[in-house]
Amino acid sequence: MNNRKSSLGMSLNLVYVLIYLLPLAGSLLFLIFDFKDREIRLHALQTLYVAIAVVLVHIILGLLASIPFIGAFFSVIIWVMYILYVFVMLVGLIKALNGSILTIPFFYEMAYKGSY
């Protein structure tokens, strides 16, 4: 467990719980108000990038789901995507609470460049 505190005075464990369980709101909150801590910024940026990607893919798949006959296939893909998304966020949270980071290809590299 982390005993370090964020610049807002919150324990890092609470920060990570907020970032991973409320990806859009939590990430934006800590990117705006706790922008000095690189580790928090790395977690927040990666989570934010993944959340934005999921929203964009959902919009595209939602449009494809409205196509007659094959739309049901895309609806199932949306559900599978969200199940995987929740799984990835939970694994990310567990790794963050244990002092490491889940490196999601492409998203991690973008977050690393933005945080260091």
Protein backbone atom coordinates (compact mmCIF):
# COMPACT_ATOMS: atom_id res chain seq x y z
CA MET A 1 0.00 0.00 0.00
CA ASN A 2 1.10 3.54 -0.75
CA ASN A 3 1.54 5.93 2.18
CA ARG A 4 2.41 8.85 -0.07
CA LYS A 5 -0.10 11.65 -0.48
CA SER A 6 -1.07 13.64 -3.53
CA SER A 7 -0.56 17.39 -3.61
CA LEU A 8 -4.25 17.67 -2.68
CA GLY A 9 -3.54 15.80 0.56
CA MET A 10 -5.34 12.61 -0.49
CA SER A 11 -3.75 9.19 -0.18
CA LEU A 12 -2.55 7.78 -3.49
CA ASN A 13 -4.79 4.76 -3.04
CA LEU A 14 -7.88 6.99 -2.94
CA VAL A 15 -6.61 8.92 -5.96
CA TYR A 16 -6.19 5.69 -7.94
CA VAL A 17 -9.63 4.43 -6.92
CA LEU A 18 -11.18 7.67 -8.20
CA ILE A 19 -9.16 7.62 -11.42
CA TYR A 20 -9.98 4.01 -12.31
CA LEU A 21 -13.58 3.79 -11.08
CA LEU A 22 -14.62 7.20 -12.47
CA PRO A 23 -12.36 7.31 -15.54
CA LEU A 24 -13.55 10.49 -17.25
CA ALA A 25 -14.37 12.58 -14.17
CA GLY A 26 -11.57 11.23 -11.96
CA SER A 27 -8.91 11.59 -14.61
CA LEU A 28 -9.92 15.13 -15.48
CA LEU A 29 -10.15 16.08 -11.80
CA PHE A 30 -6.59 15.00 -11.06
CA LEU A 31 -5.17 16.31 -14.32
CA ILE A 32 -6.54 19.75 -13.46
CA PHE A 33 -5.97 19.92 -9.71
CA ASP A 34 -3.01 17.56 -9.14
CA PHE A 35 -0.94 18.19 -12.24
CA LYS A 36 2.45 18.20 -10.46
CA ASP A 37 2.68 14.49 -9.62
CA ARG A 38 3.93 12.61 -12.69
CA GLU A 39 2.79 9.21 -11.47
CA ILE A 40 -0.77 10.42 -10.94
CA ARG A 41 -0.68 12.18 -14.30
CA LEU A 42 0.49 8.98 -16.01
CA HIS A 43 -2.38 6.94 -14.55
CA ALA A 44 -4.91 9.69 -15.23
CA LEU A 45 -3.83 10.26 -18.84
CA GLN A 46 -3.78 6.58 -19.72
CA THR A 47 -7.22 6.07 -18.19
CA LEU A 48 -8.58 9.18 -19.91
CA TYR A 49 -7.23 8.10 -23.31
CA VAL A 50 -8.75 4.63 -22.95
CA ALA A 51 -12.11 6.09 -21.85
CA ILE A 52 -12.19 8.49 -24.82
CA ALA A 53 -11.33 5.64 -27.19
CA VAL A 54 -14.14 3.51 -25.75
CA VAL A 55 -16.65 6.36 -26.19
CA LEU A 56 -15.56 6.93 -29.80
CA VAL A 57 -15.72 3.22 -30.63
CA HIS A 58 -19.14 3.04 -28.98
CA ILE A 59 -20.40 5.87 -31.19
CA ILE A 60 -19.13 4.15 -34.34
CA LEU A 61 -20.45 0.74 -33.35
CA GLY A 62 -23.74 2.31 -32.28
CA LEU A 63 -24.17 3.73 -35.76
CA LEU A 64 -23.35 0.35 -37.28
CA ALA A 65 -25.78 -1.34 -34.86
CA SER A 66 -28.63 0.56 -36.49
CA ILE A 67 -28.11 -1.30 -39.78
CA PRO A 68 -30.88 -3.88 -40.29
CA PHE A 69 -29.96 -7.57 -39.96
CA ILE A 70 -26.29 -7.07 -39.00
CA GLY A 71 -26.91 -4.48 -36.31
CA ALA A 72 -27.37 -7.14 -33.63
CA PHE A 73 -23.79 -8.28 -34.22
CA PHE A 74 -22.48 -4.78 -33.52
CA SER A 75 -24.67 -4.51 -30.43
CA VAL A 76 -23.06 -7.65 -29.04
CA ILE A 77 -19.61 -6.22 -29.82
CA ILE A 78 -20.53 -3.10 -27.81
CA TRP A 79 -21.40 -5.25 -24.79
CA VAL A 80 -18.19 -7.26 -25.11
CA MET A 81 -16.19 -4.03 -25.40
CA TYR A 82 -17.68 -2.69 -22.16
CA ILE A 83 -17.06 -5.95 -20.31
CA LEU A 84 -13.41 -5.82 -21.42
CA TYR A 85 -13.23 -2.13 -20.50
CA VAL A 86 -14.46 -2.79 -16.94
CA PHE A 87 -11.99 -5.67 -16.65
CA VAL A 88 -9.08 -3.49 -17.82
CA MET A 89 -10.04 -0.70 -15.40
CA LEU A 90 -10.22 -3.16 -12.48
CA VAL A 91 -6.85 -4.71 -13.37
CA GLY A 92 -5.40 -1.20 -13.71
CA LEU A 93 -6.77 -0.29 -10.28
CA ILE A 94 -5.35 -3.43 -8.66
CA LYS A 95 -1.93 -2.82 -10.23
CA ALA A 96 -1.99 0.86 -9.17
CA LEU A 97 -2.84 -0.08 -5.59
CA ASN A 98 0.13 -2.46 -5.64
CA GLY A 99 2.49 0.27 -6.82
CA SER A 100 2.76 -0.46 -10.55
CA ILE A 101 0.90 0.51 -13.71
CA LEU A 102 -0.96 -1.50 -16.30
CA THR A 103 0.79 -0.68 -19.56
CA ILE A 104 -1.83 -0.70 -22.28
CA PRO A 105 -0.05 -0.55 -25.66
CA PHE A 106 -0.41 2.73 -27.55
CA PHE A 107 -2.27 4.41 -24.66
CA TYR A 108 0.62 4.00 -22.23
CA GLU A 109 3.10 5.52 -24.69
CA MET A 110 0.84 8.53 -25.27
CA ALA A 111 0.28 8.97 -21.52
CA TYR A 112 3.99 8.63 -20.78
CA LYS A 113 4.84 11.35 -23.31
CA GLY A 114 2.19 13.60 -21.78
CA SER A 115 3.26 13.07 -18.21
CA TYR A 116 7.07 13.24 -18.36
